[in-house]
Protein backbone atom coordinates (compact mmCIF):
# COMPACT_ATOMS: atom_id res chain seq x y z
CA MET A 1 -5.65 2.13 14.62
CA LYS A 2 -5.38 5.95 15.44
CA LEU A 3 -6.92 8.53 13.16
CA GLU A 4 -3.41 10.17 12.46
CA LEU A 5 -1.87 7.21 11.33
CA ALA A 6 -4.73 6.17 8.99
CA ALA A 7 -4.70 9.78 7.66
CA SER A 8 -1.03 9.54 7.05
CA GLN A 9 -1.18 6.25 5.38
CA LEU A 10 -4.02 7.23 3.20
CA GLU A 11 -2.41 10.47 2.23
CA SER A 12 0.78 8.43 1.10
CA LEU A 13 -1.42 6.27 -1.01
CA GLY A 14 -3.30 9.35 -2.67
CA ASN A 15 -0.31 9.80 -5.11
CA PRO A 16 -0.85 7.80 -8.30
CA THR A 17 2.86 6.76 -8.51
CA ARG A 18 3.07 5.63 -4.86
CA LEU A 19 -0.35 3.80 -5.34
CA ARG A 20 1.04 1.90 -8.35
CA LEU A 21 4.19 1.22 -6.44
CA TYR A 22 2.33 -0.12 -3.38
CA ARG A 23 0.02 -2.18 -5.53
CA ALA A 24 2.97 -3.84 -7.25
CA LEU A 25 4.43 -4.78 -3.85
CA VAL A 26 1.13 -6.13 -2.78
CA ARG A 27 0.92 -8.16 -5.83
CA ALA A 28 4.35 -9.45 -5.40
CA GLY A 29 3.64 -11.33 -2.12
CA THR A 30 5.78 -11.66 0.88
CA GLY A 31 9.03 -12.12 -1.18
CA GLY A 32 8.75 -8.54 -2.29
CA LEU A 33 10.61 -7.03 -5.12
CA PRO A 34 14.23 -5.76 -5.65
CA VAL A 35 14.33 -1.91 -6.37
CA GLY A 36 15.72 -2.53 -9.85
CA GLY A 37 12.71 -4.86 -10.62
CA LEU A 38 10.28 -2.15 -9.24
CA GLN A 39 12.04 0.49 -11.33
CA GLN A 40 11.65 -1.66 -14.56
CA LYS A 41 7.95 -2.57 -13.69
CA LEU A 42 7.03 1.11 -13.01
CA GLY A 43 9.15 2.65 -15.67
CA ILE A 44 10.34 5.55 -13.39
CA PRO A 45 13.80 6.98 -12.55
CA ALA A 46 15.65 5.53 -9.53
CA SER A 47 15.68 8.88 -7.75
CA THR A 48 11.86 9.22 -8.17
CA LEU A 49 11.47 5.51 -6.94
CA SER A 50 13.54 6.31 -3.95
CA HIS A 51 11.41 9.23 -3.04
CA HIS A 52 8.23 7.45 -3.24
CA CYS A 53 9.48 4.32 -1.40
CA ARG A 54 10.60 6.63 1.44
CA LYS A 55 7.16 8.11 1.78
CA LEU A 56 5.50 4.63 1.87
CA ILE A 57 8.16 3.55 4.47
CA ASP A 58 7.59 6.63 6.60
CA ALA A 59 3.78 5.91 6.48
CA GLY A 60 4.57 2.27 7.72
CA LEU A 61 3.09 0.51 4.62
CA VAL A 62 6.55 -0.58 3.04
CA THR A 63 9.68 -2.22 4.53
CA GLN A 64 13.04 -2.44 2.96
CA GLU A 65 15.70 -5.09 3.58
CA ARG A 66 19.19 -5.27 2.19
CA ASN A 67 20.15 -8.71 0.86
CA GLY A 68 23.78 -8.34 -0.10
CA THR A 69 23.84 -5.65 -2.78
CA THR A 70 20.05 -5.91 -3.46
CA LEU A 71 17.53 -3.71 -1.67
CA ILE A 72 14.22 -5.56 -1.44
CA CYS A 73 10.92 -3.76 -0.87
CA ARG A 74 7.96 -5.44 0.71
CA ALA A 75 4.38 -4.37 1.46
CA ASP A 76 3.69 -4.50 5.16
CA TYR A 77 0.47 -6.71 5.05
CA GLY A 78 -0.12 -6.23 8.86
CA ALA A 79 -0.32 -2.39 8.20
CA MET A 80 -2.33 -3.05 5.14
CA ALA A 81 -4.86 -5.15 7.08
CA SER A 82 -5.03 -2.54 9.94
CA LEU A 83 -5.81 0.35 7.43
CA ILE A 84 -8.56 -1.75 5.65
CA GLY A 85 -9.88 -2.79 8.93
CA TYR A 86 -10.01 0.76 10.26
CA LEU A 87 -11.94 1.77 7.14
CA ALA A 88 -14.43 -1.21 7.36
CA ASP A 89 -14.70 -1.81 11.23
CA GLU A 90 -17.69 0.65 11.71
CA CYS A 91 -19.34 -0.04 8.32
CA CYS A 92 -23.06 0.71 8.63
CA ALA A 93 -22.77 1.37 12.47
CA ASP A 94 -25.22 4.19 12.25
CA GLY A 95 -27.60 2.79 9.58
CA ALA A 96 -28.08 0.23 7.09
CA CYS A 97 -25.52 -0.30 4.25
CA ALA A 98 -26.63 0.13 0.74
CA GLU A 99 -27.09 -3.06 -1.27
CA ASN A 100 -24.15 -3.90 -3.56
CA PRO A 101 -25.53 -3.98 -7.11
CA GLU A 102 -23.00 -6.47 -8.20
CA ASN A 103 -24.28 -9.06 -5.92
CA THR A 104 -27.87 -8.91 -6.84
CA GLU A 105 -29.30 -11.18 -9.39
CA ALA A 106 -31.46 -9.93 -12.41
């Protein structure tokens, strides 16, 4: 993954509404959610939802597919895995990682 793509994706997720939207789609699984269902779940106006969906689509994190009169939004799990991989691939490459306090026993 290129730095510019990772930066674009992280920037799009930096907005609280878009992050809530993206997390809802990730939770929905591969079937995705219809736009109306997303609007209800998030409690935002249709125009606001459309704006935020467009930003996530442009960043390559979300896809949309028309099924008759219904517009289905889906998280692109491949893009998500690439972004997470990009962030974690070089973990501790230049030094030791800090111990995770949640994994230690008292």
